[in-house]
Amino acid sequence: MTTALKSIRSLAPLLDRVLVQRIKAETKTASGLFLPESSVKELNEAKVLAVGPGGLDKEGKRVAPSVAPGDKVLIPQYGGSPVKVGDEEYALFRDHELLAKINE
């Protein structure tokens, strides 16, 4: 069964899940040449769009997620749960699956 979401804003992650969107790689070089899609690799960087309230520890206390909406993160090459809204692709990861937070 597939659900059609009208907007990604209607999706709220639960527990320690994080909704991210991969950052698209540049298709144009510094000198202005356009690269074909087949030669552009997928980046492992993503922008955090939404964050769940956090998971629970053994005592039942809420553990806050380590990222916030708007953060840039490094994600694994494979994994996560894909979510497609229209032509856009998103992914849901658990907070502990994120590899790093990118501070700029």
PDB file of N, CA and C in Angstrom:
ATOM      1  N   MET A   1       0.843  -1.180   0.000  1.00  0.00           N
ATOM      2  CA  MET A   1       0.000   0.000   0.000  1.00  0.00           C
ATOM      3  C   MET A   1       0.885   1.240   0.000  1.00  0.00           C
ATOM      4  N   THR A   2       0.615   2.149  -0.890  1.00  0.00           N
ATOM      5  CA  THR A   2       1.390   3.372  -1.004  1.00  0.00           C
ATOM      6  C   THR A   2       0.529   4.557  -0.613  1.00  0.00           C
ATOM      7  N   THR A   3       1.113   5.454   0.169  1.00  0.00           N
ATOM      8  CA  THR A   3       0.403   6.665   0.520  1.00  0.00           C
ATOM      9  C   THR A   3       0.995   7.822  -0.249  1.00  0.00           C
ATOM     10  N   ALA A   4       0.150   8.637  -0.812  1.00  0.00           N
ATOM     11  CA  ALA A   4       0.610   9.791  -1.563  1.00  0.00           C
ATOM     12  C   ALA A   4       0.603  11.006  -0.643  1.00  0.00           C
ATOM     13  N   LEU A   5       1.776  11.522  -0.360  1.00  0.00           N
ATOM     14  CA  LEU A   5       1.884  12.719   0.463  1.00  0.00           C
ATOM     15  C   LEU A   5       1.797  13.938  -0.437  1.00  0.00           C
ATOM     16  N   LYS A   6       1.059  14.930   0.013  1.00  0.00           N
ATOM     17  CA  LYS A   6       0.951  16.160  -0.773  1.00  0.00           C
ATOM     18  C   LYS A   6       2.154  17.059  -0.530  1.00  0.00           C
ATOM     19  N   SER A   7       2.680  17.010   0.688  1.00  0.00           N
ATOM     20  CA  SER A   7       3.805  17.857   1.039  1.00  0.00           C
ATOM     21  C   SER A   7       4.697  17.122   2.029  1.00  0.00           C
ATOM     22  N   ILE A   8       5.983  17.348   1.959  1.00  0.00           N
ATOM     23  CA  ILE A   8       6.910  16.707   2.886  1.00  0.00           C
ATOM     24  C   ILE A   8       6.715  17.271   4.285  1.00  0.00           C
ATOM     25  N   ARG A   9       6.143  18.452   4.411  1.00  0.00           N
ATOM     26  CA  ARG A   9       5.888  19.060   5.717  1.00  0.00           C
ATOM     27  C   ARG A   9       4.843  18.289   6.513  1.00  0.00           C
ATOM     28  N   SER A  10       4.047  17.465   5.836  1.00  0.00           N
ATOM     29  CA  SER A  10       3.032  16.677   6.534  1.00  0.00           C
ATOM     30  C   SER A  10       3.619  15.406   7.145  1.00  0.00           C
ATOM     31  N   LEU A  11       4.914  15.186   6.969  1.00  0.00           N
ATOM     32  CA  LEU A  11       5.585  13.998   7.491  1.00  0.00           C
ATOM     33  C   LEU A  11       6.366  14.380   8.753  1.00  0.00           C
ATOM     34  N   ALA A  12       6.002  13.780   9.893  1.00  0.00           N
ATOM     35  CA  ALA A  12       6.678  14.053  11.163  1.00  0.00           C
ATOM     36  C   ALA A  12       7.375  12.783  11.631  1.00  0.00           C
ATOM     37  N   PRO A  13       8.715  12.777  11.687  1.00  0.00           N
ATOM     38  CA  PRO A  13       9.440  11.588  12.139  1.00  0.00           C
ATOM     39  C   PRO A  13       9.101  11.242  13.591  1.00  0.00           C
ATOM     40  N   LEU A  14       9.113   9.948  13.904  1.00  0.00           N
ATOM     41  CA  LEU A  14       8.835   9.482  15.254  1.00  0.00           C
ATOM     42  C   LEU A  14      10.137   9.100  15.952  1.00  0.00           C
ATOM     43  N   LEU A  15      10.112   9.122  17.271  1.00  0.00           N
ATOM     44  CA  LEU A  15      11.227   8.722  18.133  1.00  0.00           C
ATOM     45  C   LEU A  15      12.543   9.364  17.691  1.00  0.00           C
ATOM     46  N   ASP A  16      13.563   8.556  17.388  1.00  0.00           N
ATOM     47  CA  ASP A  16      14.878   9.112  17.072  1.00  0.00           C
ATOM     48  C   ASP A  16      15.141   9.165  15.569  1.00  0.00           C
ATOM     49  N   ARG A  17      14.093   9.230  14.781  1.00  0.00           N
ATOM     50  CA  ARG A  17      14.282   9.260  13.324  1.00  0.00           C
ATOM     51  C   ARG A  17      14.490  10.686  12.833  1.00  0.00           C
ATOM     52  N   VAL A  18      15.247  10.789  11.732  1.00  0.00           N
ATOM     53  CA  VAL A  18      15.615  12.073  11.151  1.00  0.00           C
ATOM     54  C   VAL A  18      15.283  12.032   9.661  1.00  0.00           C
ATOM     55  N   LEU A  19      14.544  13.026   9.180  1.00  0.00           N
ATOM     56  CA  LEU A  19      14.191  13.137   7.762  1.00  0.00           C
ATOM     57  C   LEU A  19      15.226  14.015   7.083  1.00  0.00           C
ATOM     58  N   VAL A  20      15.877  13.474   6.042  1.00  0.00           N
ATOM     59  CA  VAL A  20      16.916  14.222   5.334  1.00  0.00           C
ATOM     60  C   VAL A  20      16.659  14.214   3.828  1.00  0.00           C
ATOM     61  N   GLN A  21      17.267  15.184   3.165  1.00  0.00           N
ATOM     62  CA  GLN A  21      17.253  15.220   1.700  1.00  0.00           C
ATOM     63  C   GLN A  21      18.697  15.335   1.242  1.00  0.00           C
ATOM     64  N   ARG A  22      19.107  14.403   0.368  1.00  0.00           N
ATOM     65  CA  ARG A  22      20.481  14.430  -0.149  1.00  0.00           C
ATOM     66  C   ARG A  22      20.737  15.736  -0.898  1.00  0.00           C
ATOM     67  N   ILE A  23      21.949  16.242  -0.735  1.00  0.00           N
ATOM     68  CA  ILE A  23      22.372  17.430  -1.475  1.00  0.00           C
ATOM     69  C   ILE A  23      22.846  16.953  -2.837  1.00  0.00           C
ATOM     70  N   LYS A  24      22.328  17.559  -3.874  1.00  0.00           N
ATOM     71  CA  LYS A  24      22.681  17.144  -5.225  1.00  0.00           C
ATOM     72  C   LYS A  24      24.073  17.642  -5.583  1.00  0.00           C
ATOM     73  N   ALA A  25      24.828  16.801  -6.258  1.00  0.00           N
ATOM     74  CA  ALA A  25      26.188  17.146  -6.685  1.00  0.00           C
ATOM     75  C   ALA A  25      26.123  18.182  -7.806  1.00  0.00           C
ATOM     76  N   GLU A  26      27.164  18.996  -7.874  1.00  0.00           N
ATOM     77  CA  GLU A  26      27.254  20.012  -8.924  1.00  0.00           C
ATOM     78  C   GLU A  26      27.400  19.339 -10.288  1.00  0.00           C
ATOM     79  N   THR A  27      26.651  19.804 -11.260  1.00  0.00           N
ATOM     80  CA  THR A  27      26.753  19.254 -12.612  1.00  0.00           C
ATOM     81  C   THR A  27      27.572  20.182 -13.510  1.00  0.00           C
ATOM     82  N   LYS A  28      28.139  21.231 -12.911  1.00  0.00           N
ATOM     83  CA  LYS A  28      28.925  22.194 -13.670  1.00  0.00           C
ATOM     84  C   LYS A  28      30.284  22.347 -13.002  1.00  0.00           C
ATOM     85  N   THR A  29      31.338  22.302 -13.770  1.00  0.00           N
ATOM     86  CA  THR A  29      32.685  22.437 -13.224  1.00  0.00           C
ATOM     87  C   THR A  29      32.987  23.911 -12.945  1.00  0.00           C
ATOM     88  N   ALA A  30      34.112  24.156 -12.273  1.00  0.00           N
ATOM     89  CA  ALA A  30      34.516  25.521 -11.951  1.00  0.00           C
ATOM     90  C   ALA A  30      34.773  26.340 -13.218  1.00  0.00           C
ATOM     91  N   SER A  31      35.180  25.663 -14.291  1.00  0.00           N
ATOM     92  CA  SER A  31      35.453  26.386 -15.537  1.00  0.00           C
ATOM     93  C   SER A  31      34.210  26.567 -16.400  1.00  0.00           C
ATOM     94  N   GLY A  32      33.059  26.032 -15.943  1.00  0.00           N
ATOM     95  CA  GLY A  32      31.811  26.257 -16.658  1.00  0.00           C
ATOM     96  C   GLY A  32      31.348  25.113 -17.539  1.00  0.00           C
ATOM     97  N   LEU A  33      32.052  23.998 -17.527  1.00  0.00           N
ATOM     98  CA  LEU A  33      31.638  22.845 -18.329  1.00  0.00           C
ATOM     99  C   LEU A  33      30.547  22.064 -17.610  1.00  0.00           C
ATOM    100  N   PHE A  34      29.561  21.611 -18.353  1.00  0.00           N
ATOM    101  CA  PHE A  34      28.501  20.804 -17.779  1.00  0.00           C
ATOM    102  C   PHE A  34      28.860  19.328 -17.866  1.00  0.00           C
ATOM    103  N   LEU A  35      28.652  18.605 -16.781  1.00  0.00           N
ATOM    104  CA  LEU A  35      28.970  17.180 -16.729  1.00  0.00           C
ATOM    105  C   LEU A  35      27.723  16.352 -17.016  1.00  0.00           C
ATOM    106  N   PRO A  36      27.874  15.225 -17.702  1.00  0.00           N
ATOM    107  CA  PRO A  36      26.716  14.357 -17.921  1.00  0.00           C
ATOM    108  C   PRO A  36      26.290  13.707 -16.591  1.00  0.00           C
ATOM    109  N   GLU A  37      25.019  13.376 -16.466  1.00  0.00           N
ATOM    110  CA  GLU A  37      24.498  12.794 -15.230  1.00  0.00           C
ATOM    111  C   GLU A  37      25.199  11.494 -14.859  1.00  0.00           C
ATOM    112  N   SER A  38      25.644  10.742 -15.857  1.00  0.00           N
ATOM    113  CA  SER A  38      26.285   9.454 -15.585  1.00  0.00           C
ATOM    114  C   SER A  38      27.633   9.616 -14.878  1.00  0.00           C
ATOM    115  N   SER A  39      28.275  10.761 -15.015  1.00  0.00           N
ATOM    116  CA  SER A  39      29.592  10.950 -14.393  1.00  0.00           C
ATOM    117  C   SER A  39      29.511  11.638 -13.032  1.00  0.00           C
ATOM    118  N   VAL A  40      28.322  12.086 -12.633  1.00  0.00           N
ATOM    119  CA  VAL A  40      28.157  12.776 -11.356  1.00  0.00           C
ATOM    120  C   VAL A  40      27.791  11.757 -10.286  1.00  0.00           C
ATOM    121  N   LYS A  41      28.634  11.672  -9.247  1.00  0.00           N
ATOM    122  CA  LYS A  41      28.378  10.738  -8.152  1.00  0.00           C
ATOM    123  C   LYS A  41      27.385  11.344  -7.162  1.00  0.00           C
ATOM    124  N   GLU A  42      26.661  10.470  -6.463  1.00  0.00           N
ATOM    125  CA  GLU A  42      25.769  10.917  -5.403  1.00  0.00           C
ATOM    126  C   GLU A  42      26.600  11.306  -4.197  1.00  0.00           C
ATOM    127  N   LEU A  43      26.317  12.446  -3.617  1.00  0.00           N
ATOM    128  CA  LEU A  43      27.048  12.886  -2.436  1.00  0.00           C
ATOM    129  C   LEU A  43      26.492  12.218  -1.189  1.00  0.00           C
ATOM    130  N   ASN A  44      27.311  12.104  -0.177  1.00  0.00           N
ATOM    131  CA  ASN A  44      26.871  11.550   1.096  1.00  0.00           C
ATOM    132  C   ASN A  44      26.446  12.650   2.051  1.00  0.00           C
ATOM    133  N   GLU A  45      26.288  13.863   1.546  1.00  0.00           N
ATOM    134  CA  GLU A  45      25.840  14.973   2.376  1.00  0.00           C
ATOM    135  C   GLU A  45      24.339  15.132   2.226  1.00  0.00           C
ATOM    136  N   ALA A  46      23.702  15.539   3.323  1.00  0.00           N
ATOM    137  CA  ALA A  46      22.262  15.749   3.293  1.00  0.00           C
ATOM    138  C   ALA A  46      21.892  16.888   4.223  1.00  0.00           C
ATOM    139  N   LYS A  47      20.734  17.470   3.957  1.00  0.00           N
ATOM    140  CA  LYS A  47      20.198  18.530   4.815  1.00  0.00           C
ATOM    141  C   LYS A  47      19.083  17.931   5.660  1.00  0.00           C
ATOM    142  N   VAL A  48      19.113  18.209   6.965  1.00  0.00           N
ATOM    143  CA  VAL A  48      18.084  17.712   7.883  1.00  0.00           C
ATOM    144  C   VAL A  48      16.840  18.584   7.731  1.00  0.00           C
ATOM    145  N   LEU A  49      15.704  17.947   7.429  1.00  0.00           N
ATOM    146  CA  LEU A  49      14.452  18.668   7.253  1.00  0.00           C
ATOM    147  C   LEU A  49      13.565  18.605   8.491  1.00  0.00           C
ATOM    148  N   ALA A  50      13.556  17.455   9.160  1.00  0.00           N
ATOM    149  CA  ALA A  50      12.717  17.284  10.351  1.00  0.00           C
ATOM    150  C   ALA A  50      13.358  16.253  11.266  1.00  0.00           C
ATOM    151  N   VAL A  51      13.113  16.397  12.568  1.00  0.00           N
ATOM    152  CA  VAL A  51      13.696  15.515  13.567  1.00  0.00           C
ATOM    153  C   VAL A  51      12.604  15.081  14.534  1.00  0.00           C
ATOM    154  N   GLY A  52      12.614  13.801  14.895  1.00  0.00           N
ATOM    155  CA  GLY A  52      11.665  13.294  15.878  1.00  0.00           C
ATOM    156  C   GLY A  52      12.016  13.795  17.269  1.00  0.00           C
ATOM    157  N   PRO A  53      11.160  13.527  18.256  1.00  0.00           N
ATOM    158  CA  PRO A  53      11.393  14.023  19.614  1.00  0.00           C
ATOM    159  C   PRO A  53      12.551  13.336  20.334  1.00  0.00           C
ATOM    160  N   GLY A  54      13.024  12.218  19.844  1.00  0.00           N
ATOM    161  CA  GLY A  54      14.136  11.496  20.460  1.00  0.00           C
ATOM    162  C   GLY A  54      13.689  10.145  20.977  1.00  0.00           C
ATOM    163  N   GLY A  55      14.633   9.254  21.137  1.00  0.00           N
ATOM    164  CA  GLY A  55      14.340   7.910  21.633  1.00  0.00           C
ATOM    165  C   GLY A  55      14.270   7.884  23.148  1.00  0.00           C
ATOM    166  N   LEU A  56      13.978   6.713  23.700  1.00  0.00           N
ATOM    167  CA  LEU A  56      13.910   6.531  25.138  1.00  0.00           C
ATOM    168  C   LEU A  56      15.062   5.645  25.594  1.00  0.00           C
ATOM    169  N   ASP A  57      15.674   5.984  26.742  1.00  0.00           N
ATOM    170  CA  ASP A  57      16.736   5.138  27.281  1.00  0.00           C
ATOM    171  C   ASP A  57      16.132   4.045  28.160  1.00  0.00           C
ATOM    172  N   LYS A  58      16.973   3.275  28.834  1.00  0.00           N
ATOM    173  CA  LYS A  58      16.496   2.148  29.636  1.00  0.00           C
ATOM    174  C   LYS A  58      15.617   2.575  30.806  1.00  0.00           C
ATOM    175  N   GLU A  59      15.815   3.784  31.306  1.00  0.00           N
ATOM    176  CA  GLU A  59      15.008   4.285  32.425  1.00  0.00           C
ATOM    177  C   GLU A  59      13.724   4.962  31.954  1.00  0.00           C
ATOM    178  N   GLY A  60      13.533   5.052  30.639  1.00  0.00           N
ATOM    179  CA  GLY A  60      12.330   5.678  30.097  1.00  0.00           C
ATOM    180  C   GLY A  60      12.450   7.176  29.902  1.00  0.00           C
ATOM    181  N   LYS A  61      13.664   7.715  30.056  1.00  0.00           N
ATOM    182  CA  LYS A  61      13.872   9.149  29.855  1.00  0.00           C
ATOM    183  C   LYS A  61      14.156   9.424  28.387  1.00  0.00           C
ATOM    184  N   ARG A  62      13.656  10.553  27.922  1.00  0.00           N
ATOM    185  CA  ARG A  62      13.827  10.939  26.525  1.00  0.00           C
ATOM    186  C   ARG A  62      15.259  11.379  26.260  1.00  0.00           C
ATOM    187  N   VAL A  63      15.863  10.835  25.204  1.00  0.00           N
ATOM    188  CA  VAL A  63      17.217  11.213  24.785  1.00  0.00           C
ATOM    189  C   VAL A  63      17.070  12.125  23.567  1.00  0.00           C
ATOM    190  N   ALA A  64      17.504  13.366  23.705  1.00  0.00           N
ATOM    191  CA  ALA A  64      17.352  14.346  22.627  1.00  0.00           C
ATOM    192  C   ALA A  64      18.211  13.969  21.428  1.00  0.00           C
ATOM    193  N   PRO A  65      17.713  14.197  20.207  1.00  0.00           N
ATOM    194  CA  PRO A  65      18.510  13.906  19.005  1.00  0.00           C
ATOM    195  C   PRO A  65      19.728  14.826  18.924  1.00  0.00           C
ATOM    196  N   SER A  66      20.754  14.382  18.220  1.00  0.00           N
ATOM    197  CA  SER A  66      22.001  15.144  18.131  1.00  0.00           C
ATOM    198  C   SER A  66      22.002  16.169  17.001  1.00  0.00           C
ATOM    199  N   VAL A  67      20.954  16.211  16.194  1.00  0.00           N
ATOM    200  CA  VAL A  67      20.870  17.172  15.090  1.00  0.00           C
ATOM    201  C   VAL A  67      19.546  17.935  15.179  1.00  0.00           C
ATOM    202  N   ALA A  68      19.482  19.028  14.432  1.00  0.00           N
ATOM    203  CA  ALA A  68      18.272  19.862  14.395  1.00  0.00           C
ATOM    204  C   ALA A  68      17.947  20.168  12.935  1.00  0.00           C
ATOM    205  N   PRO A  69      16.705  20.530  12.644  1.00  0.00           N
ATOM    206  CA  PRO A  69      16.364  20.904  11.266  1.00  0.00           C
ATOM    207  C   PRO A  69      17.265  22.033  10.768  1.00  0.00           C
ATOM    208  N   GLY A  70      17.724  21.887   9.530  1.00  0.00           N
ATOM    209  CA  GLY A  70      18.612  22.873   8.935  1.00  0.00           C
ATOM    210  C   GLY A  70      20.077  22.468   8.968  1.00  0.00           C
ATOM    211  N   ASP A  71      20.441  21.491   9.813  1.00  0.00           N
ATOM    212  CA  ASP A  71      21.831  21.023   9.896  1.00  0.00           C
ATOM    213  C   ASP A  71      22.205  20.258   8.633  1.00  0.00           C
ATOM    214  N   LYS A  72      23.509  20.286   8.307  1.00  0.00           N
ATOM    215  CA  LYS A  72      24.040  19.438   7.234  1.00  0.00           C
ATOM    216  C   LYS A  72      24.715  18.257   7.897  1.00  0.00           C
ATOM    217  N   VAL A  73      24.455  17.062   7.376  1.00  0.00           N
ATOM    218  CA  VAL A  73      25.003  15.847   7.968  1.00  0.00           C
ATOM    219  C   VAL A  73      25.631  14.972   6.898  1.00  0.00           C
ATOM    220  N   LEU A  74      26.478  14.069   7.354  1.00  0.00           N
ATOM    221  CA  LEU A  74      27.084  13.059   6.499  1.00  0.00           C
ATOM    222  C   LEU A  74      26.317  11.772   6.735  1.00  0.00           C
ATOM    223  N   ILE A  75      25.795  11.175   5.660  1.00  0.00           N
ATOM    224  CA  ILE A  75      24.972   9.977   5.790  1.00  0.00           C
ATOM    225  C   ILE A  75      25.659   8.800   5.110  1.00  0.00           C
ATOM    226  N   PRO A  76      25.294   7.564   5.492  1.00  0.00           N
ATOM    227  CA  PRO A  76      25.888   6.405   4.829  1.00  0.00           C
ATOM    228  C   PRO A  76      25.474   6.331   3.358  1.00  0.00           C
ATOM    229  N   GLN A  77      26.310   5.701   2.551  1.00  0.00           N
ATOM    230  CA  GLN A  77      26.020   5.565   1.117  1.00  0.00           C
ATOM    231  C   GLN A  77      24.716   4.807   0.896  1.00  0.00           C
ATOM    232  N   TYR A  78      24.496   3.759   1.680  1.00  0.00           N
ATOM    233  CA  TYR A  78      23.284   2.950   1.555  1.00  0.00           C
ATOM    234  C   TYR A  78      22.571   2.930   2.895  1.00  0.00           C
ATOM    235  N   GLY A  79      21.286   2.692   2.864  1.00  0.00           N
ATOM    236  CA  GLY A  79      20.526   2.599   4.108  1.00  0.00           C
ATOM    237  C   GLY A  79      19.458   3.669   4.171  1.00  0.00           C
ATOM    238  N   GLY A  80      18.795   3.721   5.281  1.00  0.00           N
ATOM    239  CA  GLY A  80      17.699   4.662   5.440  1.00  0.00           C
ATOM    240  C   GLY A  80      16.453   4.141   4.757  1.00  0.00           C
ATOM    241  N   SER A  81      15.344   4.738   5.083  1.00  0.00           N
ATOM    242  CA  SER A  81      14.068   4.377   4.457  1.00  0.00           C
ATOM    243  C   SER A  81      13.709   5.458   3.446  1.00  0.00           C
ATOM    244  N   PRO A  82      13.652   5.114   2.158  1.00  0.00           N
ATOM    245  CA  PRO A  82      13.346   6.129   1.144  1.00  0.00           C
ATOM    246  C   PRO A  82      11.899   6.595   1.204  1.00  0.00           C
ATOM    247  N   VAL A  83      11.707   7.886   0.993  1.00  0.00           N
ATOM    248  CA  VAL A  83      10.378   8.492   0.942  1.00  0.00           C
ATOM    249  C   VAL A  83      10.357   9.356  -0.306  1.00  0.00           C
ATOM    250  N   LYS A  84       9.350   9.171  -1.149  1.00  0.00           N
ATOM    251  CA  LYS A  84       9.257   9.951  -2.375  1.00  0.00           C
ATOM    252  C   LYS A  84       7.990  10.790  -2.340  1.00  0.00           C
ATOM    253  N   VAL A  85       8.146  12.088  -2.569  1.00  0.00           N
ATOM    254  CA  VAL A  85       7.018  13.014  -2.644  1.00  0.00           C
ATOM    255  C   VAL A  85       7.131  13.749  -3.968  1.00  0.00           C
ATOM    256  N   GLY A  86       6.234  13.455  -4.881  1.00  0.00           N
ATOM    257  CA  GLY A  86       6.326  14.030  -6.225  1.00  0.00           C
ATOM    258  C   GLY A  86       7.587  13.523  -6.891  1.00  0.00           C
ATOM    259  N   ASP A  87       8.418  14.435  -7.370  1.00  0.00           N
ATOM    260  CA  ASP A  87       9.692  14.060  -8.004  1.00  0.00           C
ATOM    261  C   ASP A  87      10.854  14.074  -7.020  1.00  0.00           C
ATOM    262  N   GLU A  88      10.630  14.592  -5.822  1.00  0.00           N
ATOM    263  CA  GLU A  88      11.690  14.718  -4.831  1.00  0.00           C
ATOM    264  C   GLU A  88      11.850  13.433  -4.017  1.00  0.00           C
ATOM    265  N   GLU A  89      13.106  13.103  -3.690  1.00  0.00           N
ATOM    266  CA  GLU A  89      13.392  11.920  -2.877  1.00  0.00           C
ATOM    267  C   GLU A  89      13.990  12.340  -1.543  1.00  0.00           C
ATOM    268  N   TYR A  90      13.516  11.709  -0.487  1.00  0.00           N
ATOM    269  CA  TYR A  90      13.968  11.963   0.870  1.00  0.00           C
ATOM    270  C   TYR A  90      14.315  10.629   1.507  1.00  0.00           C
ATOM    271  N   ALA A  91      14.900  10.664   2.700  1.00  0.00           N
ATOM    272  CA  ALA A  91      15.222   9.430   3.411  1.00  0.00           C
ATOM    273  C   ALA A  91      15.041   9.641   4.904  1.00  0.00           C
ATOM    274  N   LEU A  92      14.609   8.589   5.584  1.00  0.00           N
ATOM    275  CA  LEU A  92      14.495   8.587   7.040  1.00  0.00           C
ATOM    276  C   LEU A  92      15.617   7.727   7.612  1.00  0.00           C
ATOM    277  N   PHE A  93      16.407   8.298   8.507  1.00  0.00           N
ATOM    278  CA  PHE A  93      17.485   7.586   9.188  1.00  0.00           C
ATOM    279  C   PHE A  93      17.247   7.675  10.682  1.00  0.00           C
ATOM    280  N   ARG A  94      17.761   6.702  11.417  1.00  0.00           N
ATOM    281  CA  ARG A  94      17.796   6.816  12.874  1.00  0.00           C
ATOM    282  C   ARG A  94      18.947   7.747  13.227  1.00  0.00           C
ATOM    283  N   ASP A  95      18.820   8.438  14.339  1.00  0.00           N
ATOM    284  CA  ASP A  95      19.831   9.407  14.752  1.00  0.00           C
ATOM    285  C   ASP A  95      21.219   8.764  14.846  1.00  0.00           C
ATOM    286  N   HIS A  96      21.303   7.558  15.351  1.00  0.00           N
ATOM    287  CA  HIS A  96      22.615   6.907  15.517  1.00  0.00           C
ATOM    288  C   HIS A  96      23.194   6.413  14.194  1.00  0.00           C
ATOM    289  N   GLU A  97      22.401   6.396  13.102  1.00  0.00           N
ATOM    290  CA  GLU A  97      22.925   5.989  11.797  1.00  0.00           C
ATOM    291  C   GLU A  97      23.645   7.118  11.079  1.00  0.00           C
ATOM    292  N   LEU A  98      23.413   8.370  11.484  1.00  0.00           N
ATOM    293  CA  LEU A  98      24.090   9.497  10.856  1.00  0.00           C
ATOM    294  C   LEU A  98      25.567   9.441  11.210  1.00  0.00           C
ATOM    295  N   LEU A  99      26.419   9.676  10.224  1.00  0.00           N
ATOM    296  CA  LEU A  99      27.863   9.518  10.429  1.00  0.00           C
ATOM    297  C   LEU A  99      28.503  10.723  11.091  1.00  0.00           C
ATOM    298  N   ALA A 100      28.082  11.935  10.708  1.00  0.00           N
ATOM    299  CA  ALA A 100      28.696  13.138  11.254  1.00  0.00           C
ATOM    300  C   ALA A 100      27.807  14.351  10.990  1.00  0.00           C
ATOM    301  N   LYS A 101      27.993  15.367  11.791  1.00  0.00           N
ATOM    302  CA  LYS A 101      27.330  16.653  11.590  1.00  0.00           C
ATOM    303  C   LYS A 101      28.365  17.587  10.993  1.00  0.00           C
ATOM    304  N   ILE A 102      28.013  18.293   9.922  1.00  0.00           N
ATOM    305  CA  ILE A 102      28.953  19.172   9.233  1.00  0.00           C
ATOM    306  C   ILE A 102      28.757  20.588   9.771  1.00  0.00           C
ATOM    307  N   ASN A 103      29.794  21.093  10.437  1.00  0.00           N
ATOM    308  CA  ASN A 103      29.755  22.467  10.978  1.00  0.00           C
ATOM    309  C   ASN A 103      30.428  23.396   9.977  1.00  0.00           C
ATOM    310  N   GLU A 104      29.691  24.404   9.538  1.00  0.00           N
ATOM    311  CA  GLU A 104      30.268  25.350   8.569  1.00  0.00           C
ATOM    312  C   GLU A 104      30.377  26.714   9.191  1.00  0.00           C
TER     313      GLU A 104
END
